[in-house]
Amino acid sequence: YAMPKMLALLLEKGGDPNKTNMHQETSLHVLCSTTA
């Protein structure tokens, strides 16, 4: 949902953008899936 402030805080806390969901999507997948 393109939340830059929230994303920065979660990455600072150790968030792993390479983690996958049940569809094997990473954070980069879901980020690139819409122009909204």
ModelCIF file with pLDDT and N, C-alpha, C, O atoms, coordinates in Angstrom:
data_MODEL
#
_entry.id   MODEL 
#
_entity.id                         1 
_entity.type                       polymer 
_entity.pdbx_number_of_molecules   1 
#
_entity_poly.entity_id                      1 
_entity_poly.type                           'polypeptide(L)' 
_entity_poly.nstd_linkage                   no 
_entity_poly.nstd_monomer                   no 
_entity_poly.pdbx_seq_one_letter_code       YAMPKMLALLLEKGGDPNKTNMHQETSLHVLCSTTA 
_entity_poly.pdbx_seq_one_letter_code_can   YAMPKMLALLLEKGGDPNKTNMHQETSLHVLCSTTA 
_entity_poly.pdbx_strand_id                 A 
#
loop_
_entity_poly_seq.entity_id 
_entity_poly_seq.num 
_entity_poly_seq.mon_id 
_entity_poly_seq.hetero 
1 1  TYR n 
1 2  ALA n 
1 3  MET n 
1 4  PRO n 
1 5  LYS n 
1 6  MET n 
1 7  LEU n 
1 8  ALA n 
1 9  LEU n 
1 10 LEU n 
1 11 LEU n 
1 12 GLU n 
1 13 LYS n 
1 14 GLY n 
1 15 GLY n 
1 16 ASP n 
1 17 PRO n 
1 18 ASN n 
1 19 LYS n 
1 20 THR n 
1 21 ASN n 
1 22 MET n 
1 23 HIS n 
1 24 GLN n 
1 25 GLU n 
1 26 THR n 
1 27 SER n 
1 28 LEU n 
1 29 HIS n 
1 30 VAL n 
1 31 LEU n 
1 32 CYS n 
1 33 SER n 
1 34 THR n 
1 35 THR n 
1 36 ALA n 
#
_struct_asym.id          A 
_struct_asym.entity_id   1 
#
loop_
_ma_qa_metric.id 
_ma_qa_metric.mode 
_ma_qa_metric.name 
_ma_qa_metric.software_group_id 
_ma_qa_metric.type 
1 global pLDDT . pLDDT 
2 local  pLDDT . pLDDT 
#
_ma_qa_metric_global.metric_id      1 
_ma_qa_metric_global.metric_value   96.22 
_ma_qa_metric_global.model_id       1 
_ma_qa_metric_global.ordinal_id     1 
#
loop_
_ma_qa_metric_local.label_asym_id 
_ma_qa_metric_local.label_comp_id 
_ma_qa_metric_local.label_seq_id 
_ma_qa_metric_local.metric_id 
_ma_qa_metric_local.metric_value 
_ma_qa_metric_local.model_id 
_ma_qa_metric_local.ordinal_id 
A TYR 1  2 98.00 1 1  
A ALA 2  2 98.00 1 2  
A MET 3  2 98.00 1 3  
A PRO 4  2 98.00 1 4  
A LYS 5  2 97.00 1 5  
A MET 6  2 98.00 1 6  
A LEU 7  2 97.00 1 7  
A ALA 8  2 96.00 1 8  
A LEU 9  2 96.00 1 9  
A LEU 10 2 95.00 1 10 
A LEU 11 2 93.00 1 11 
A GLU 12 2 91.00 1 12 
A LYS 13 2 91.00 1 13 
A GLY 14 2 89.00 1 14 
A GLY 15 2 92.00 1 15 
A ASP 16 2 92.00 1 16 
A PRO 17 2 94.00 1 17 
A ASN 18 2 94.00 1 18 
A LYS 19 2 95.00 1 19 
A THR 20 2 97.00 1 20 
A ASN 21 2 98.00 1 21 
A MET 22 2 98.00 1 22 
A HIS 23 2 98.00 1 23 
A GLN 24 2 98.00 1 24 
A GLU 25 2 98.00 1 25 
A THR 26 2 98.00 1 26 
A SER 27 2 97.00 1 27 
A LEU 28 2 98.00 1 28 
A HIS 29 2 98.00 1 29 
A VAL 30 2 98.00 1 30 
A LEU 31 2 98.00 1 31 
A CYS 32 2 98.00 1 32 
A SER 33 2 98.00 1 33 
A THR 34 2 98.00 1 34 
A THR 35 2 97.00 1 35 
A ALA 36 2 97.00 1 36 
#
loop_
_atom_site.group_PDB 
_atom_site.id 
_atom_site.type_symbol 
_atom_site.label_atom_id 
_atom_site.label_alt_id 
_atom_site.label_comp_id 
_atom_site.label_asym_id 
_atom_site.label_entity_id 
_atom_site.label_seq_id 
_atom_site.pdbx_PDB_ins_code 
_atom_site.Cartn_x 
_atom_site.Cartn_y 
_atom_site.Cartn_z 
_atom_site.occupancy 
_atom_site.B_iso_or_equiv 
_atom_site.pdbx_formal_charge 
_atom_site.auth_seq_id 
_atom_site.auth_comp_id 
_atom_site.auth_asym_id 
_atom_site.auth_atom_id 
_atom_site.pdbx_PDB_model_num 
ATOM 1   N N  . TYR A 1 1  ? 0.800  -1.216  0.000   1.00 98.00 ? 1  TYR A N  1 
ATOM 2   C CA . TYR A 1 1  ? 0.000  0.000   0.000   1.00 98.00 ? 1  TYR A CA 1 
ATOM 3   C C  . TYR A 1 1  ? 0.836  1.270   0.000   1.00 98.00 ? 1  TYR A C  1 
ATOM 4   O O  . TYR A 1 1  ? 0.336  2.356   0.295   1.00 98.00 ? 1  TYR A O  1 
ATOM 5   N N  . ALA A 1 2  ? 2.115  1.123   -0.334  1.00 98.00 ? 2  ALA A N  1 
ATOM 6   C CA . ALA A 1 2  ? 3.007  2.278   -0.505  1.00 98.00 ? 2  ALA A CA 1 
ATOM 7   C C  . ALA A 1 2  ? 2.978  3.201   0.710   1.00 98.00 ? 2  ALA A C  1 
ATOM 8   O O  . ALA A 1 2  ? 2.582  4.363   0.621   1.00 98.00 ? 2  ALA A O  1 
ATOM 9   N N  . MET A 1 3  ? 3.408  2.651   1.851   1.00 98.00 ? 3  MET A N  1 
ATOM 10  C CA . MET A 1 3  ? 3.475  3.400   3.106   1.00 98.00 ? 3  MET A CA 1 
ATOM 11  C C  . MET A 1 3  ? 4.948  3.658   3.445   1.00 98.00 ? 3  MET A C  1 
ATOM 12  O O  . MET A 1 3  ? 5.522  2.914   4.240   1.00 98.00 ? 3  MET A O  1 
ATOM 13  N N  . PRO A 1 4  ? 5.567  4.679   2.872   1.00 98.00 ? 4  PRO A N  1 
ATOM 14  C CA . PRO A 1 4  ? 7.016  4.850   3.044   1.00 98.00 ? 4  PRO A CA 1 
ATOM 15  C C  . PRO A 1 4  ? 7.473  5.045   4.485   1.00 98.00 ? 4  PRO A C  1 
ATOM 16  O O  . PRO A 1 4  ? 8.492  4.482   4.885   1.00 98.00 ? 4  PRO A O  1 
ATOM 17  N N  . LYS A 1 5  ? 6.747  5.822   5.266   1.00 97.00 ? 5  LYS A N  1 
ATOM 18  C CA . LYS A 1 5  ? 7.155  6.044   6.659   1.00 97.00 ? 5  LYS A CA 1 
ATOM 19  C C  . LYS A 1 5  ? 7.069  4.752   7.453   1.00 97.00 ? 5  LYS A C  1 
ATOM 20  O O  . LYS A 1 5  ? 7.964  4.437   8.237   1.00 97.00 ? 5  LYS A O  1 
ATOM 21  N N  . MET A 1 6  ? 5.990  4.004   7.249   1.00 98.00 ? 6  MET A N  1 
ATOM 22  C CA . MET A 1 6  ? 5.821  2.740   7.960   1.00 98.00 ? 6  MET A CA 1 
ATOM 23  C C  . MET A 1 6  ? 6.865  1.735   7.506   1.00 98.00 ? 6  MET A C  1 
ATOM 24  O O  . MET A 1 6  ? 7.429  1.004   8.321   1.00 98.00 ? 6  MET A O  1 
ATOM 25  N N  . LEU A 1 7  ? 7.121  1.698   6.213   1.00 97.00 ? 7  LEU A N  1 
ATOM 26  C CA . LEU A 1 7  ? 8.113  0.765   5.674   1.00 97.00 ? 7  LEU A CA 1 
ATOM 27  C C  . LEU A 1 7  ? 9.497  1.060   6.237   1.00 97.00 ? 7  LEU A C  1 
ATOM 28  O O  . LEU A 1 7  ? 10.230 0.138   6.596   1.00 97.00 ? 7  LEU A O  1 
ATOM 29  N N  . ALA A 1 8  ? 9.859  2.333   6.318   1.00 96.00 ? 8  ALA A N  1 
ATOM 30  C CA . ALA A 1 8  ? 11.173 2.705   6.858   1.00 96.00 ? 8  ALA A CA 1 
ATOM 31  C C  . ALA A 1 8  ? 11.321 2.251   8.304   1.00 96.00 ? 8  ALA A C  1 
ATOM 32  O O  . ALA A 1 8  ? 12.381 1.766   8.699   1.00 96.00 ? 8  ALA A O  1 
ATOM 33  N N  . LEU A 1 9  ? 10.261 2.408   9.098   1.00 96.00 ? 9  LEU A N  1 
ATOM 34  C CA . LEU A 1 9  ? 10.309 2.001   10.500  1.00 96.00 ? 9  LEU A CA 1 
ATOM 35  C C  . LEU A 1 9  ? 10.427 0.481   10.635  1.00 96.00 ? 9  LEU A C  1 
ATOM 36  O O  . LEU A 1 9  ? 11.167 -0.015  11.486  1.00 96.00 ? 9  LEU A O  1 
ATOM 37  N N  . LEU A 1 10 ? 9.705  -0.248  9.805   1.00 95.00 ? 10 LEU A N  1 
ATOM 38  C CA . LEU A 1 10 ? 9.738  -1.708  9.867   1.00 95.00 ? 10 LEU A CA 1 
ATOM 39  C C  . LEU A 1 10 ? 11.089 -2.261  9.407   1.00 95.00 ? 10 LEU A C  1 
ATOM 40  O O  . LEU A 1 10 ? 11.593 -3.229  9.975   1.00 95.00 ? 10 LEU A O  1 
ATOM 41  N N  . LEU A 1 11 ? 11.668 -1.646  8.384   1.00 93.00 ? 11 LEU A N  1 
ATOM 42  C CA . LEU A 1 11 ? 12.999 -2.071  7.944   1.00 93.00 ? 11 LEU A CA 1 
ATOM 43  C C  . LEU A 1 11 ? 14.040 -1.770  9.006   1.00 93.00 ? 11 LEU A C  1 
ATOM 44  O O  . LEU A 1 11 ? 14.961 -2.557  9.221   1.00 93.00 ? 11 LEU A O  1 
ATOM 45  N N  . GLU A 1 12 ? 13.895 -0.631  9.669   1.00 91.00 ? 12 GLU A N  1 
ATOM 46  C CA . GLU A 1 12 ? 14.819 -0.264  10.748  1.00 91.00 ? 12 GLU A CA 1 
ATOM 47  C C  . GLU A 1 12 ? 14.723 -1.257  11.904  1.00 91.00 ? 12 GLU A C  1 
ATOM 48  O O  . GLU A 1 12 ? 15.704 -1.513  12.602  1.00 91.00 ? 12 GLU A O  1 
ATOM 49  N N  . LYS A 1 13 ? 13.529 -1.811  12.094  1.00 91.00 ? 13 LYS A N  1 
ATOM 50  C CA . LYS A 1 13 ? 13.321 -2.781  13.175  1.00 91.00 ? 13 LYS A CA 1 
ATOM 51  C C  . LYS A 1 13 ? 13.786 -4.190  12.782  1.00 91.00 ? 13 LYS A C  1 
ATOM 52  O O  . LYS A 1 13 ? 13.678 -5.122  13.579  1.00 91.00 ? 13 LYS A O  1 
ATOM 53  N N  . GLY A 1 14 ? 14.293 -4.344  11.575  1.00 89.00 ? 14 GLY A N  1 
ATOM 54  C CA . GLY A 1 14 ? 14.789 -5.645  11.147  1.00 89.00 ? 14 GLY A CA 1 
ATOM 55  C C  . GLY A 1 14 ? 13.914 -6.353  10.138  1.00 89.00 ? 14 GLY A C  1 
ATOM 56  O O  . GLY A 1 14 ? 14.091 -7.545  9.886   1.00 89.00 ? 14 GLY A O  1 
ATOM 57  N N  . GLY A 1 15 ? 12.971 -5.629  9.558   1.00 92.00 ? 15 GLY A N  1 
ATOM 58  C CA . GLY A 1 15 ? 12.095 -6.233  8.565   1.00 92.00 ? 15 GLY A CA 1 
ATOM 59  C C  . GLY A 1 15 ? 12.870 -6.775  7.375   1.00 92.00 ? 15 GLY A C  1 
ATOM 60  O O  . GLY A 1 15 ? 13.825 -6.157  6.905   1.00 92.00 ? 15 GLY A O  1 
ATOM 61  N N  . ASP A 1 16 ? 12.443 -7.941  6.893   1.00 92.00 ? 16 ASP A N  1 
ATOM 62  C CA . ASP A 1 16 ? 13.118 -8.604  5.781   1.00 92.00 ? 16 ASP A CA 1 
ATOM 63  C C  . ASP A 1 16 ? 12.260 -8.504  4.520   1.00 92.00 ? 16 ASP A C  1 
ATOM 64  O O  . ASP A 1 16 ? 11.233 -9.176  4.427   1.00 92.00 ? 16 ASP A O  1 
ATOM 65  N N  . PRO A 1 17 ? 12.662 -7.675  3.543   1.00 94.00 ? 17 PRO A N  1 
ATOM 66  C CA . PRO A 1 17 ? 11.857 -7.524  2.330   1.00 94.00 ? 17 PRO A CA 1 
ATOM 67  C C  . PRO A 1 17 ? 11.894 -8.748  1.420   1.00 94.00 ? 17 PRO A C  1 
ATOM 68  O O  . PRO A 1 17 ? 11.132 -8.825  0.456   1.00 94.00 ? 17 PRO A O  1 
ATOM 69  N N  . ASN A 1 18 ? 12.772 -9.702  1.718   1.00 94.00 ? 18 ASN A N  1 
ATOM 70  C CA . ASN A 1 18 ? 12.841 -10.928 0.918   1.00 94.00 ? 18 ASN A CA 1 
ATOM 71  C C  . ASN A 1 18 ? 11.907 -12.031 1.432   1.00 94.00 ? 18 ASN A C  1 
ATOM 72  O O  . ASN A 1 18 ? 11.781 -13.087 0.811   1.00 94.00 ? 18 ASN A O  1 
ATOM 73  N N  . LYS A 1 19 ? 11.264 -11.780 2.557   1.00 95.00 ? 19 LYS A N  1 
ATOM 74  C CA . LYS A 1 19 ? 10.318 -12.750 3.114   1.00 95.00 ? 19 LYS A CA 1 
ATOM 75  C C  . LYS A 1 19 ? 9.140  -12.924 2.146   1.00 95.00 ? 19 LYS A C  1 
ATOM 76  O O  . LYS A 1 19 ? 8.673  -11.951 1.553   1.00 95.00 ? 19 LYS A O  1 
ATOM 77  N N  . THR A 1 20 ? 8.664  -14.162 1.988   1.00 97.00 ? 20 THR A N  1 
ATOM 78  C CA . THR A 1 20 ? 7.564  -14.406 1.058   1.00 97.00 ? 20 THR A CA 1 
ATOM 79  C C  . THR A 1 20 ? 6.264  -14.714 1.792   1.00 97.00 ? 20 THR A C  1 
ATOM 80  O O  . THR A 1 20 ? 6.270  -15.193 2.926   1.00 97.00 ? 20 THR A O  1 
ATOM 81  N N  . ASN A 1 21 ? 5.137  -14.425 1.113   1.00 98.00 ? 21 ASN A N  1 
ATOM 82  C CA . ASN A 1 21 ? 3.817  -14.758 1.654   1.00 98.00 ? 21 ASN A CA 1 
ATOM 83  C C  . ASN A 1 21 ? 3.346  -16.087 1.069   1.00 98.00 ? 21 ASN A C  1 
ATOM 84  O O  . ASN A 1 21 ? 4.148  -16.811 0.479   1.00 98.00 ? 21 ASN A O  1 
ATOM 85  N N  . MET A 1 22 ? 2.078  -16.420 1.217   1.00 98.00 ? 22 MET A N  1 
ATOM 86  C CA . MET A 1 22 ? 1.593  -17.723 0.772   1.00 98.00 ? 22 MET A CA 1 
ATOM 87  C C  . MET A 1 22 ? 1.584  -17.866 -0.749  1.00 98.00 ? 22 MET A C  1 
ATOM 88  O O  . MET A 1 22 ? 1.450  -18.974 -1.268  1.00 98.00 ? 22 MET A O  1 
ATOM 89  N N  . HIS A 1 23 ? 1.726  -16.760 -1.456  1.00 98.00 ? 23 HIS A N  1 
ATOM 90  C CA . HIS A 1 23 ? 1.799  -16.792 -2.918  1.00 98.00 ? 23 HIS A CA 1 
ATOM 91  C C  . HIS A 1 23 ? 3.243  -16.670 -3.409  1.00 98.00 ? 23 HIS A C  1 
ATOM 92  O O  . HIS A 1 23 ? 3.495  -16.452 -4.594  1.00 98.00 ? 23 HIS A O  1 
ATOM 93  N N  . GLN A 1 24 ? 4.178  -16.813 -2.478  1.00 98.00 ? 24 GLN A N  1 
ATOM 94  C CA . GLN A 1 24 ? 5.609  -16.689 -2.770  1.00 98.00 ? 24 GLN A CA 1 
ATOM 95  C C  . GLN A 1 24 ? 5.975  -15.294 -3.277  1.00 98.00 ? 24 GLN A C  1 
ATOM 96  O O  . GLN A 1 24 ? 6.936  -15.129 -4.029  1.00 98.00 ? 24 GLN A O  1 
ATOM 97  N N  . GLU A 1 25 ? 5.205  -14.302 -2.860  1.00 98.00 ? 25 GLU A N  1 
ATOM 98  C CA . GLU A 1 25 ? 5.488  -12.918 -3.238  1.00 98.00 ? 25 GLU A CA 1 
ATOM 99  C C  . GLU A 1 25 ? 6.369  -12.262 -2.184  1.00 98.00 ? 25 GLU A C  1 
ATOM 100 O O  . GLU A 1 25 ? 6.128  -12.409 -0.986  1.00 98.00 ? 25 GLU A O  1 
ATOM 101 N N  . THR A 1 26 ? 7.375  -11.547 -2.625  1.00 98.00 ? 26 THR A N  1 
ATOM 102 C CA . THR A 1 26 ? 8.168  -10.721 -1.724  1.00 98.00 ? 26 THR A CA 1 
ATOM 103 C C  . THR A 1 26 ? 7.546  -9.326  -1.666  1.00 98.00 ? 26 THR A C  1 
ATOM 104 O O  . THR A 1 26 ? 6.575  -9.035  -2.364  1.00 98.00 ? 26 THR A O  1 
ATOM 105 N N  . SER A 1 27 ? 8.116  -8.485  -0.833  1.00 97.00 ? 27 SER A N  1 
ATOM 106 C CA . SER A 1 27 ? 7.634  -7.104  -0.749  1.00 97.00 ? 27 SER A CA 1 
ATOM 107 C C  . SER A 1 27 ? 7.815  -6.370  -2.065  1.00 97.00 ? 27 SER A C  1 
ATOM 108 O O  . SER A 1 27 ? 7.017  -5.498  -2.409  1.00 97.00 ? 27 SER A O  1 
ATOM 109 N N  . LEU A 1 28 ? 8.864  -6.721  -2.805  1.00 98.00 ? 28 LEU A N  1 
ATOM 110 C CA . LEU A 1 28 ? 9.094  -6.071  -4.101  1.00 98.00 ? 28 LEU A CA 1 
ATOM 111 C C  . LEU A 1 28 ? 8.019  -6.469  -5.103  1.00 98.00 ? 28 LEU A C  1 
ATOM 112 O O  . LEU A 1 28 ? 7.599  -5.648  -5.919  1.00 98.00 ? 28 LEU A O  1 
ATOM 113 N N  . HIS A 1 29 ? 7.567  -7.728  -5.051  1.00 98.00 ? 29 HIS A N  1 
ATOM 114 C CA . HIS A 1 29 ? 6.467  -8.151  -5.921  1.00 98.00 ? 29 HIS A CA 1 
ATOM 115 C C  . HIS A 1 29 ? 5.224  -7.275  -5.708  1.00 98.00 ? 29 HIS A C  1 
ATOM 116 O O  . HIS A 1 29 ? 4.681  -6.699  -6.651  1.00 98.00 ? 29 HIS A O  1 
ATOM 117 N N  . VAL A 1 30 ? 4.796  -7.192  -4.458  1.00 98.00 ? 30 VAL A N  1 
ATOM 118 C CA . VAL A 1 30 ? 3.538  -6.485  -4.192  1.00 98.00 ? 30 VAL A CA 1 
ATOM 119 C C  . VAL A 1 30 ? 3.679  -4.985  -4.433  1.00 98.00 ? 30 VAL A C  1 
ATOM 120 O O  . VAL A 1 30 ? 2.711  -4.320  -4.801  1.00 98.00 ? 30 VAL A O  1 
ATOM 121 N N  . LEU A 1 31 ? 4.874  -4.457  -4.228  1.00 98.00 ? 31 LEU A N  1 
ATOM 122 C CA . LEU A 1 31 ? 5.108  -3.031  -4.483  1.00 98.00 ? 31 LEU A CA 1 
ATOM 123 C C  . LEU A 1 31 ? 4.958  -2.713  -5.962  1.00 98.00 ? 31 LEU A C  1 
ATOM 124 O O  . LEU A 1 31 ? 4.412  -1.672  -6.325  1.00 98.00 ? 31 LEU A O  1 
ATOM 125 N N  . CYS A 1 32 ? 5.448  -3.617  -6.824  1.00 98.00 ? 32 CYS A N  1 
ATOM 126 C CA . CYS A 1 32 ? 5.496  -3.363  -8.266  1.00 98.00 ? 32 CYS A CA 1 
ATOM 127 C C  . CYS A 1 32 ? 4.217  -3.763  -8.998  1.00 98.00 ? 32 CYS A C  1 
ATOM 128 O O  . CYS A 1 32 ? 4.178  -3.707  -10.227 1.00 98.00 ? 32 CYS A O  1 
ATOM 129 N N  . SER A 1 33 ? 3.182  -4.161  -8.281  1.00 98.00 ? 33 SER A N  1 
ATOM 130 C CA . SER A 1 33 ? 1.998  -4.749  -8.912  1.00 98.00 ? 33 SER A CA 1 
ATOM 131 C C  . SER A 1 33 ? 0.898  -3.765  -9.263  1.00 98.00 ? 33 SER A C  1 
ATOM 132 O O  . SER A 1 33 ? -0.142 -4.169  -9.782  1.00 98.00 ? 33 SER A O  1 
ATOM 133 N N  . THR A 1 34 ? 1.099  -2.501  -8.995  1.00 98.00 ? 34 THR A N  1 
ATOM 134 C CA . THR A 1 34 ? 0.086  -1.489  -9.315  1.00 98.00 ? 34 THR A CA 1 
ATOM 135 C C  . THR A 1 34 ? 0.752  -0.129  -9.454  1.00 98.00 ? 34 THR A C  1 
ATOM 136 O O  . THR A 1 34 ? 1.830  0.106   -8.907  1.00 98.00 ? 34 THR A O  1 
ATOM 137 N N  . THR A 1 35 ? 0.102  0.758   -10.188 1.00 97.00 ? 35 THR A N  1 
ATOM 138 C CA . THR A 1 35 ? 0.614  2.121   -10.339 1.00 97.00 ? 35 THR A CA 1 
ATOM 139 C C  . THR A 1 35 ? -0.044 3.090   -9.359  1.00 97.00 ? 35 THR A C  1 
ATOM 140 O O  . THR A 1 35 ? 0.235  4.288   -9.393  1.00 97.00 ? 35 THR A O  1 
ATOM 141 N N  . ALA A 1 36 ? -0.912 2.584   -8.491  1.00 97.00 ? 36 ALA A N  1 
ATOM 142 C CA . ALA A 1 36 ? -1.592 3.456   -7.524  1.00 97.00 ? 36 ALA A CA 1 
ATOM 143 C C  . ALA A 1 36 ? -0.583 4.140   -6.606  1.00 97.00 ? 36 ALA A C  1 
ATOM 144 O O  . ALA A 1 36 ? -0.971 4.911   -5.729  1.00 97.00 ? 36 ALA A O  1 
#
